[in-house]
PDB file of N, CA and C in Angstrom:
ATOM      1  N   UNK A   1      94.901 -23.280-123.540  1.00  0.00           N
ATOM      2  CA  UNK A   1      95.452 -22.752-122.308  1.00  0.00           C
ATOM      3  C   UNK A   1      94.276 -23.247-121.228  1.00  0.00           C
ATOM      4  N   UNK A   2      94.833 -23.555-120.070  1.00  0.00           N
ATOM      5  CA  UNK A   2      93.634 -23.852-119.028  1.00  0.00           C
ATOM      6  C   UNK A   2      93.200 -22.579-118.470  1.00  0.00           C
ATOM      7  N   UNK A   3      92.068 -22.698-117.678  1.00  0.00           N
ATOM      8  CA  UNK A   3      91.280 -21.565-117.013  1.00  0.00           C
ATOM      9  C   UNK A   3      92.359 -20.679-116.161  1.00  0.00           C
ATOM     10  N   UNK A   4      93.110 -21.332-115.385  1.00  0.00           N
ATOM     11  CA  UNK A   4      93.969 -20.742-114.550  1.00  0.00           C
ATOM     12  C   UNK A   4      94.990 -19.857-115.188  1.00  0.00           C
ATOM     13  N   UNK A   5      95.373 -20.515-116.313  1.00  0.00           N
ATOM     14  CA  UNK A   5      96.457 -19.762-117.337  1.00  0.00           C
ATOM     15  C   UNK A   5      95.802 -18.380-117.806  1.00  0.00           C
ATOM     16  N   UNK A   6      94.406 -18.415-118.229  1.00  0.00           N
ATOM     17  CA  UNK A   6      93.753 -17.382-118.889  1.00  0.00           C
ATOM     18  C   UNK A   6      93.525 -16.324-117.796  1.00  0.00           C
ATOM     19  N   UNK A   7      93.021 -16.840-116.730  1.00  0.00           N
ATOM     20  CA  UNK A   7      92.681 -15.896-115.413  1.00  0.00           C
ATOM     21  C   UNK A   7      94.157 -15.460-115.108  1.00  0.00           C
ATOM     22  N   UNK A   8      95.145 -16.160-114.955  1.00  0.00           N
ATOM     23  CA  UNK A   8      96.547 -15.662-114.537  1.00  0.00           C
ATOM     24  C   UNK A   8      96.941 -14.456-115.349  1.00  0.00           C
ATOM     25  N   UNK A   9      96.758 -14.606-116.706  1.00  0.00           N
ATOM     26  CA  UNK A   9      97.335 -13.450-117.611  1.00  0.00           C
ATOM     27  C   UNK A   9      96.670 -12.190-117.254  1.00  0.00           C
ATOM     28  N   UNK A  10      95.252 -12.165-116.970  1.00  0.00           N
ATOM     29  CA  UNK A  10      94.558 -10.987-116.664  1.00  0.00           C
ATOM     30  C   UNK A  10      94.936 -10.552-115.044  1.00  0.00           C
ATOM     31  N   UNK A  11      95.226 -11.555-114.163  1.00  0.00           N
ATOM     32  CA  UNK A  11      95.612 -11.211-112.797  1.00  0.00           C
ATOM     33  C   UNK A  11      96.850 -10.602-113.015  1.00  0.00           C
ATOM     34  N   UNK A  12      97.911 -11.096-113.818  1.00  0.00           N
ATOM     35  CA  UNK A  12      99.247 -10.194-113.897  1.00  0.00           C
ATOM     36  C   UNK A  12      98.891  -8.872-114.357  1.00  0.00           C
ATOM     37  N   UNK A  13      97.954  -8.621-115.274  1.00  0.00           N
ATOM     38  CA  UNK A  13      97.736  -7.280-115.704  1.00  0.00           C
ATOM     39  C   UNK A  13      97.108  -6.488-114.573  1.00  0.00           C
ATOM     40  N   UNK A  14      96.104  -7.046-113.786  1.00  0.00           N
ATOM     41  CA  UNK A  14      95.534  -6.449-112.572  1.00  0.00           C
ATOM     42  C   UNK A  14      96.589  -6.108-111.735  1.00  0.00           C
ATOM     43  N   UNK A  15      97.394  -7.145-111.179  1.00  0.00           N
ATOM     44  CA  UNK A  15      98.617  -6.708-110.413  1.00  0.00           C
ATOM     45  C   UNK A  15      99.368  -5.588-110.708  1.00  0.00           C
ATOM     46  N   UNK A  16      99.597  -5.456-112.193  1.00  0.00           N
ATOM     47  CA  UNK A  16     100.418  -4.289-112.742  1.00  0.00           C
ATOM     48  C   UNK A  16      99.649  -3.025-112.341  1.00  0.00           C
ATOM     49  N   UNK A  17      98.182  -3.102-112.523  1.00  0.00           N
ATOM     50  CA  UNK A  17      97.464  -1.854-112.143  1.00  0.00           C
ATOM     51  C   UNK A  17      97.676  -1.573-110.732  1.00  0.00           C
ATOM     52  N   UNK A  18      97.401  -2.658-109.919  1.00  0.00           N
ATOM     53  CA  UNK A  18      97.545  -2.358-108.340  1.00  0.00           C
ATOM     54  C   UNK A  18      98.774  -1.787-108.038  1.00  0.00           C
ATOM     55  N   UNK A  19     100.037  -2.362-108.600  1.00  0.00           N
ATOM     56  CA  UNK A  19     101.269  -1.911-108.348  1.00  0.00           C
ATOM     57  C   UNK A  19     101.456  -0.344-108.712  1.00  0.00           C
ATOM     58  N   UNK A  20     100.825   0.009-109.639  1.00  0.00           N
ATOM     59  CA  UNK A  20     100.925   1.268-110.131  1.00  0.00           C
ATOM     60  C   UNK A  20     100.148   2.411-109.310  1.00  0.00           C
ATOM     61  N   UNK A  21      99.593   1.934-108.216  1.00  0.00           N
ATOM     62  CA  UNK A  21      98.783   2.781-107.366  1.00  0.00           C
ATOM     63  C   UNK A  21      99.248   2.571-105.966  1.00  0.00           C
ATOM     64  N   UNK A  22      99.857   3.531-105.217  1.00  0.00           N
ATOM     65  CA  UNK A  22     100.535   3.300-103.971  1.00  0.00           C
ATOM     66  C   UNK A  22      99.501   2.966-103.083  1.00  0.00           C
ATOM     67  N   UNK A  23      98.297   3.476-103.060  1.00  0.00           N
ATOM     68  CA  UNK A  23      97.203   3.158-102.257  1.00  0.00           C
ATOM     69  C   UNK A  23      96.758   1.843-102.124  1.00  0.00           C
ATOM     70  N   UNK A  24      96.399   1.459-103.420  1.00  0.00           N
ATOM     71  CA  UNK A  24      95.976  -0.025-103.800  1.00  0.00           C
ATOM     72  C   UNK A  24      97.081  -0.847-103.416  1.00  0.00           C
ATOM     73  N   UNK A  25      98.168  -0.741-103.742  1.00  0.00           N
ATOM     74  CA  UNK A  25      99.465  -1.729-103.362  1.00  0.00           C
ATOM     75  C   UNK A  25      99.592  -1.798-102.122  1.00  0.00           C
ATOM     76  N   UNK A  26      99.583  -0.842-101.117  1.00  0.00           N
ATOM     77  CA  UNK A  26      99.720  -0.838 -99.808  1.00  0.00           C
ATOM     78  C   UNK A  26      98.538  -1.751 -99.071  1.00  0.00           C
ATOM     79  N   UNK A  27      97.406  -1.338 -99.518  1.00  0.00           N
ATOM     80  CA  UNK A  27      96.327  -2.170 -99.101  1.00  0.00           C
ATOM     81  C   UNK A  27      96.467  -3.796 -99.582  1.00  0.00           C
ATOM     82  N   UNK A  28      96.655  -4.011-100.861  1.00  0.00           N
ATOM     83  CA  UNK A  28      96.835  -5.276-101.187  1.00  0.00           C
ATOM     84  C   UNK A  28      98.002  -5.955-100.376  1.00  0.00           C
ATOM     85  N   UNK A  29      99.145  -5.503-100.213  1.00  0.00           N
ATOM     86  CA  UNK A  29     100.236  -6.051 -99.484  1.00  0.00           C
ATOM     87  C   UNK A  29      99.835  -6.604 -98.139  1.00  0.00           C
ATOM     88  N   UNK A  30      99.084  -5.582 -97.483  1.00  0.00           N
ATOM     89  CA  UNK A  30      98.825  -5.789 -96.091  1.00  0.00           C
ATOM     90  C   UNK A  30      97.639  -6.957 -96.151  1.00  0.00           C
ATOM     91  N   UNK A  31      96.533  -7.023 -96.932  1.00  0.00           N
ATOM     92  CA  UNK A  31      95.683  -7.930 -96.977  1.00  0.00           C
ATOM     93  C   UNK A  31      96.146  -9.170 -97.164  1.00  0.00           C
ATOM     94  N   UNK A  32      97.155  -9.352 -98.177  1.00  0.00           N
ATOM     95  CA  UNK A  32      97.533 -10.630 -98.682  1.00  0.00           C
ATOM     96  C   UNK A  32      98.652 -11.063 -97.835  1.00  0.00           C
ATOM     97  N   UNK A  33      99.567 -10.080 -97.225  1.00  0.00           N
ATOM     98  CA  UNK A  33     100.696 -10.587 -96.367  1.00  0.00           C
ATOM     99  C   UNK A  33     101.880 -10.896 -97.234  1.00  0.00           C
ATOM    100  N   UNK A  34     101.671 -10.553 -98.615  1.00  0.00           N
ATOM    101  CA  UNK A  34     102.885 -10.983 -99.430  1.00  0.00           C
ATOM    102  C   UNK A  34     103.664  -9.883 -99.768  1.00  0.00           C
ATOM    103  N   UNK A  35     105.136 -10.077 -99.845  1.00  0.00           N
ATOM    104  CA  UNK A  35     105.921  -9.115-100.387  1.00  0.00           C
ATOM    105  C   UNK A  35     106.142  -9.537-101.774  1.00  0.00           C
ATOM    106  N   UNK A  36     107.149  -8.684-102.226  1.00  0.00           N
ATOM    107  CA  UNK A  36     107.250  -8.734-103.888  1.00  0.00           C
ATOM    108  C   UNK A  36     107.825 -10.274-104.237  1.00  0.00           C
ATOM    109  N   UNK A  37     108.791 -10.810-103.550  1.00  0.00           N
ATOM    110  CA  UNK A  37     109.233 -12.276-103.824  1.00  0.00           C
ATOM    111  C   UNK A  37     107.984 -13.175-103.897  1.00  0.00           C
ATOM    112  N   UNK A  38     107.163 -13.125-102.893  1.00  0.00           N
ATOM    113  CA  UNK A  38     106.055 -14.119-102.750  1.00  0.00           C
ATOM    114  C   UNK A  38     104.943 -13.663-103.900  1.00  0.00           C
ATOM    115  N   UNK A  39     104.893 -12.555-104.266  1.00  0.00           N
ATOM    116  CA  UNK A  39     103.973 -12.216-105.345  1.00  0.00           C
ATOM    117  C   UNK A  39     104.492 -12.954-106.558  1.00  0.00           C
ATOM    118  N   UNK A  40     105.783 -12.936-106.818  1.00  0.00           N
ATOM    119  CA  UNK A  40     106.173 -13.535-108.094  1.00  0.00           C
ATOM    120  C   UNK A  40     106.271 -14.996-107.979  1.00  0.00           C
ATOM    121  N   UNK A  41     106.417 -15.587-106.870  1.00  0.00           N
ATOM    122  CA  UNK A  41     106.173 -16.962-106.711  1.00  0.00           C
ATOM    123  C   UNK A  41     104.838 -17.565-106.845  1.00  0.00           C
ATOM    124  N   UNK A  42     103.864 -16.796-106.441  1.00  0.00           N
ATOM    125  CA  UNK A  42     102.511 -17.270-106.239  1.00  0.00           C
ATOM    126  C   UNK A  42     101.603 -16.856-107.341  1.00  0.00           C
ATOM    127  N   UNK A  43     102.049 -16.219-108.316  1.00  0.00           N
ATOM    128  CA  UNK A  43     101.146 -15.624-109.510  1.00  0.00           C
ATOM    129  C   UNK A  43     100.413 -16.671-110.161  1.00  0.00           C
ATOM    130  N   UNK A  44     100.992 -17.871-110.174  1.00  0.00           N
ATOM    131  CA  UNK A  44     100.362 -19.083-110.926  1.00  0.00           C
ATOM    132  C   UNK A  44      99.680 -19.856-109.979  1.00  0.00           C
ATOM    133  N   UNK A  45      99.508 -19.546-108.731  1.00  0.00           N
ATOM    134  CA  UNK A  45      98.780 -20.338-107.760  1.00  0.00           C
ATOM    135  C   UNK A  45      97.411 -20.024-107.938  1.00  0.00           C
ATOM    136  N   UNK A  46      96.410 -20.879-108.151  1.00  0.00           N
ATOM    137  CA  UNK A  46      95.090 -20.482-108.181  1.00  0.00           C
ATOM    138  C   UNK A  46      94.331 -20.059-107.081  1.00  0.00           C
ATOM    139  N   UNK A  47      94.790 -20.571-105.988  1.00  0.00           N
ATOM    140  CA  UNK A  47      94.254 -19.808-104.666  1.00  0.00           C
ATOM    141  C   UNK A  47      94.792 -18.422-104.384  1.00  0.00           C
ATOM    142  N   UNK A  48      96.077 -18.111-104.841  1.00  0.00           N
ATOM    143  CA  UNK A  48      96.441 -16.793-104.745  1.00  0.00           C
ATOM    144  C   UNK A  48      95.762 -15.837-105.814  1.00  0.00           C
ATOM    145  N   UNK A  49      95.400 -16.399-106.991  1.00  0.00           N
ATOM    146  CA  UNK A  49      94.614 -15.657-108.083  1.00  0.00           C
ATOM    147  C   UNK A  49      93.204 -15.313-107.393  1.00  0.00           C
ATOM    148  N   UNK A  50      92.793 -16.302-106.579  1.00  0.00           N
ATOM    149  CA  UNK A  50      91.421 -16.012-105.909  1.00  0.00           C
ATOM    150  C   UNK A  50      91.589 -14.860-105.003  1.00  0.00           C
ATOM    151  N   UNK A  51      92.791 -14.908-104.160  1.00  0.00           N
ATOM    152  CA  UNK A  51      92.877 -13.780-103.200  1.00  0.00           C
ATOM    153  C   UNK A  51      93.036 -12.320-104.019  1.00  0.00           C
ATOM    154  N   UNK A  52      93.635 -12.355-105.129  1.00  0.00           N
ATOM    155  CA  UNK A  52      93.808 -11.112-105.889  1.00  0.00           C
ATOM    156  C   UNK A  52      92.309 -10.791-106.338  1.00  0.00           C
ATOM    157  N   UNK A  53      91.619 -11.541-106.652  1.00  0.00           N
ATOM    158  CA  UNK A  53      90.339 -11.195-107.192  1.00  0.00           C
ATOM    159  C   UNK A  53      89.305 -10.859-105.783  1.00  0.00           C
ATOM    160  N   UNK A  54      89.547 -11.462-104.663  1.00  0.00           N
ATOM    161  CA  UNK A  54      88.857 -11.202-103.591  1.00  0.00           C
ATOM    162  C   UNK A  54      89.162  -9.522-103.242  1.00  0.00           C
ATOM    163  N   UNK A  55      90.368  -9.172-103.321  1.00  0.00           N
ATOM    164  CA  UNK A  55      90.951  -7.964-103.059  1.00  0.00           C
ATOM    165  C   UNK A  55      90.065  -7.029-104.061  1.00  0.00           C
ATOM    166  N   UNK A  56      90.237  -7.230-105.311  1.00  0.00           N
ATOM    167  CA  UNK A  56      89.611  -6.366-106.336  1.00  0.00           C
ATOM    168  C   UNK A  56      88.142  -6.119-106.000  1.00  0.00           C
ATOM    169  N   UNK A  57      87.418  -7.392-105.705  1.00  0.00           N
ATOM    170  CA  UNK A  57      85.954  -7.361-105.595  1.00  0.00           C
ATOM    171  C   UNK A  57      85.345  -6.693-104.262  1.00  0.00           C
ATOM    172  N   UNK A  58      86.238  -6.355-103.337  1.00  0.00           N
ATOM    173  CA  UNK A  58      85.870  -5.658-102.238  1.00  0.00           C
ATOM    174  C   UNK A  58      85.659  -4.266-102.448  1.00  0.00           C
ATOM    175  N   UNK A  59      85.896  -3.643-103.476  1.00  0.00           N
ATOM    176  CA  UNK A  59      85.685  -2.245-103.768  1.00  0.00           C
ATOM    177  C   UNK A  59      85.003  -1.979-105.220  1.00  0.00           C
ATOM    178  N   UNK A  60      83.733  -1.332-105.241  1.00  0.00           N
ATOM    179  CA  UNK A  60      83.210  -1.133-106.599  1.00  0.00           C
ATOM    180  C   UNK A  60      83.945  -0.348-107.268  1.00  0.00           C
ATOM    181  N   UNK A  61      84.610   0.644-106.769  1.00  0.00           N
ATOM    182  CA  UNK A  61      85.600   1.575-107.535  1.00  0.00           C
ATOM    183  C   UNK A  61      86.787   0.801-108.005  1.00  0.00           C
ATOM    184  N   UNK A  62      87.290  -0.201-107.280  1.00  0.00           N
ATOM    185  CA  UNK A  62      88.466  -0.942-108.059  1.00  0.00           C
ATOM    186  C   UNK A  62      87.894  -1.899-108.951  1.00  0.00           C
ATOM    187  N   UNK A  63      86.689  -2.459-108.655  1.00  0.00           N
ATOM    188  CA  UNK A  63      86.179  -3.365-109.935  1.00  0.00           C
ATOM    189  C   UNK A  63      86.132  -2.566-111.131  1.00  0.00           C
ATOM    190  N   UNK A  64      85.588  -1.337-111.094  1.00  0.00           N
ATOM    191  CA  UNK A  64      85.342  -0.640-112.168  1.00  0.00           C
ATOM    192  C   UNK A  64      86.625  -0.444-112.890  1.00  0.00           C
ATOM    193  N   UNK A  65      87.637   0.203-112.050  1.00  0.00           N
ATOM    194  CA  UNK A  65      88.715   0.680-112.540  1.00  0.00           C
ATOM    195  C   UNK A  65      89.566  -0.558-113.219  1.00  0.00           C
ATOM    196  N   UNK A  66      89.496  -1.703-112.605  1.00  0.00           N
ATOM    197  CA  UNK A  66      90.370  -2.751-113.284  1.00  0.00           C
ATOM    198  C   UNK A  66      89.675  -3.483-114.276  1.00  0.00           C
ATOM    199  N   UNK A  67      88.315  -3.374-114.256  1.00  0.00           N
ATOM    200  CA  UNK A  67      87.579  -4.045-115.482  1.00  0.00           C
ATOM    201  C   UNK A  67      87.972  -3.202-116.621  1.00  0.00           C
ATOM    202  N   UNK A  68      87.977  -2.001-116.504  1.00  0.00           N
ATOM    203  CA  UNK A  68      88.405  -0.943-117.624  1.00  0.00           C
ATOM    204  C   UNK A  68      89.837  -1.253-117.985  1.00  0.00           C
ATOM    205  N   UNK A  69      90.683  -1.355-117.214  1.00  0.00           N
ATOM    206  CA  UNK A  69      92.094  -1.625-117.503  1.00  0.00           C
ATOM    207  C   UNK A  69      92.337  -3.077-118.154  1.00  0.00           C
ATOM    208  N   UNK A  70      91.502  -3.880-117.754  1.00  0.00           N
ATOM    209  CA  UNK A  70      91.454  -5.442-118.356  1.00  0.00           C
ATOM    210  C   UNK A  70      90.540  -5.496-119.468  1.00  0.00           C
ATOM    211  N   UNK A  71      89.750  -4.601-119.830  1.00  0.00           N
ATOM    212  CA  UNK A  71      88.803  -4.558-120.873  1.00  0.00           C
ATOM    213  C   UNK A  71      87.873  -5.825-120.867  1.00  0.00           C
ATOM    214  N   UNK A  72      87.334  -5.913-119.597  1.00  0.00           N
ATOM    215  CA  UNK A  72      86.289  -6.866-119.482  1.00  0.00           C
ATOM    216  C   UNK A  72      85.121  -6.320-118.766  1.00  0.00           C
ATOM    217  N   UNK A  73      83.917  -6.948-118.840  1.00  0.00           N
ATOM    218  CA  UNK A  73      82.653  -6.360-118.057  1.00  0.00           C
ATOM    219  C   UNK A  73      82.985  -6.690-116.595  1.00  0.00           C
ATOM    220  N   UNK A  74      82.613  -5.682-115.729  1.00  0.00           N
ATOM    221  CA  UNK A  74      83.018  -5.980-114.385  1.00  0.00           C
ATOM    222  C   UNK A  74      82.456  -7.305-113.813  1.00  0.00           C
ATOM    223  N   UNK A  75      81.167  -7.934-114.380  1.00  0.00           N
ATOM    224  CA  UNK A  75      80.730  -8.962-113.791  1.00  0.00           C
ATOM    225  C   UNK A  75      81.528 -10.163-113.937  1.00  0.00           C
ATOM    226  N   UNK A  76      82.466 -10.040-115.050  1.00  0.00           N
ATOM    227  CA  UNK A  76      83.443 -11.273-115.392  1.00  0.00           C
ATOM    228  C   UNK A  76      84.341 -11.447-114.104  1.00  0.00           C
ATOM    229  N   UNK A  77      84.749 -10.483-113.589  1.00  0.00           N
ATOM    230  CA  UNK A  77      85.550 -10.644-112.424  1.00  0.00           C
ATOM    231  C   UNK A  77      85.070 -11.470-111.321  1.00  0.00           C
ATOM    232  N   UNK A  78      83.818 -11.276-111.091  1.00  0.00           N
ATOM    233  CA  UNK A  78      83.200 -12.128-110.053  1.00  0.00           C
ATOM    234  C   UNK A  78      82.875 -13.556-110.640  1.00  0.00           C
ATOM    235  N   UNK A  79      82.677 -13.687-111.878  1.00  0.00           N
ATOM    236  CA  UNK A  79      82.550 -14.995-112.442  1.00  0.00           C
ATOM    237  C   UNK A  79      83.946 -15.693-112.472  1.00  0.00           C
ATOM    238  N   UNK A  80      84.872 -14.942-112.752  1.00  0.00           N
ATOM    239  CA  UNK A  80      86.280 -15.740-112.621  1.00  0.00           C
ATOM    240  C   UNK A  80      86.694 -16.022-111.296  1.00  0.00           C
ATOM    241  N   UNK A  81      86.106 -15.227-110.243  1.00  0.00           N
ATOM    242  CA  UNK A  81      86.587 -15.602-108.843  1.00  0.00           C
ATOM    243  C   UNK A  81      85.706 -16.926-108.370  1.00  0.00           C
ATOM    244  N   UNK A  82      84.487 -17.150-108.926  1.00  0.00           N
ATOM    245  CA  UNK A  82      83.615 -18.233-108.554  1.00  0.00           C
ATOM    246  C   UNK A  82      84.317 -19.553-109.098  1.00  0.00           C
ATOM    247  N   UNK A  83      85.210 -19.408-110.090  1.00  0.00           N
ATOM    248  CA  UNK A  83      85.797 -20.602-110.686  1.00  0.00           C
ATOM    249  C   UNK A  83      87.045 -21.029-109.875  1.00  0.00           C
ATOM    250  N   UNK A  84      87.667 -20.195-109.084  1.00  0.00           N
ATOM    251  CA  UNK A  84      88.848 -20.544-108.541  1.00  0.00           C
ATOM    252  C   UNK A  84      88.613 -21.105-107.010  1.00  0.00           C
ATOM    253  N   UNK A  85      89.742 -21.826-106.440  1.00  0.00           N
ATOM    254  CA  UNK A  85      89.778 -22.298-105.011  1.00  0.00           C
ATOM    255  C   UNK A  85      89.289 -21.356-104.089  1.00  0.00           C
ATOM    256  N   UNK A  86      88.549 -21.675-103.036  1.00  0.00           N
ATOM    257  CA  UNK A  86      88.199 -20.808-101.978  1.00  0.00           C
ATOM    258  C   UNK A  86      86.884 -19.995-102.242  1.00  0.00           C
ATOM    259  N   UNK A  87      86.354 -20.005-103.313  1.00  0.00           N
ATOM    260  CA  UNK A  87      85.106 -19.194-103.727  1.00  0.00           C
ATOM    261  C   UNK A  87      84.111 -19.778-102.865  1.00  0.00           C
ATOM    262  N   UNK A  88      83.255 -18.682-102.352  1.00  0.00           N
ATOM    263  CA  UNK A  88      81.976 -19.002-101.712  1.00  0.00           C
ATOM    264  C   UNK A  88      80.964 -18.910-102.321  1.00  0.00           C
ATOM    265  N   UNK A  89      79.933 -19.889-102.245  1.00  0.00           N
ATOM    266  CA  UNK A  89      78.645 -19.831-102.881  1.00  0.00           C
ATOM    267  C   UNK A  89      78.004 -18.488-102.924  1.00  0.00           C
ATOM    268  N   UNK A  90      77.433 -17.960-104.120  1.00  0.00           N
ATOM    269  CA  UNK A  90      76.642 -16.608-103.970  1.00  0.00           C
ATOM    270  C   UNK A  90      75.825 -16.618-102.997  1.00  0.00           C
ATOM    271  N   UNK A  91      75.860 -15.512-102.293  1.00  0.00           N
ATOM    272  CA  UNK A  91      74.833 -15.110-101.094  1.00  0.00           C
ATOM    273  C   UNK A  91      75.313 -15.613 -99.908  1.00  0.00           C
ATOM    274  N   UNK A  92      76.494 -16.330 -99.984  1.00  0.00           N
ATOM    275  CA  UNK A  92      77.060 -16.780 -98.617  1.00  0.00           C
ATOM    276  C   UNK A  92      77.985 -15.627 -97.990  1.00  0.00           C
ATOM    277  N   UNK A  93      78.156 -15.642 -96.630  1.00  0.00           N
ATOM    278  CA  UNK A  93      78.843 -14.547 -95.984  1.00  0.00           C
ATOM    279  C   UNK A  93      80.217 -14.792 -96.344  1.00  0.00           C
TER     280      UNK A  93
END
């Protein structure tokens, strides 16, 4: 399976966690500008996967919560983000 496929499976699980929390879901939809149909269409788009990770990485609490739900070390979320389109080099604004 390719990298985006592996990340995509986890992102699908992450989106399920986000969707289960009204506050997180509301913030995610506003930030991405996506509605439910767009979410379903874009879930395999590497750039969209990057946007999902950007959203998660904005909050330490969200990182911790979703890392636990995905059963991955929190640092792996940042590593995954660095491998997707649109990532900024570490230390860049």
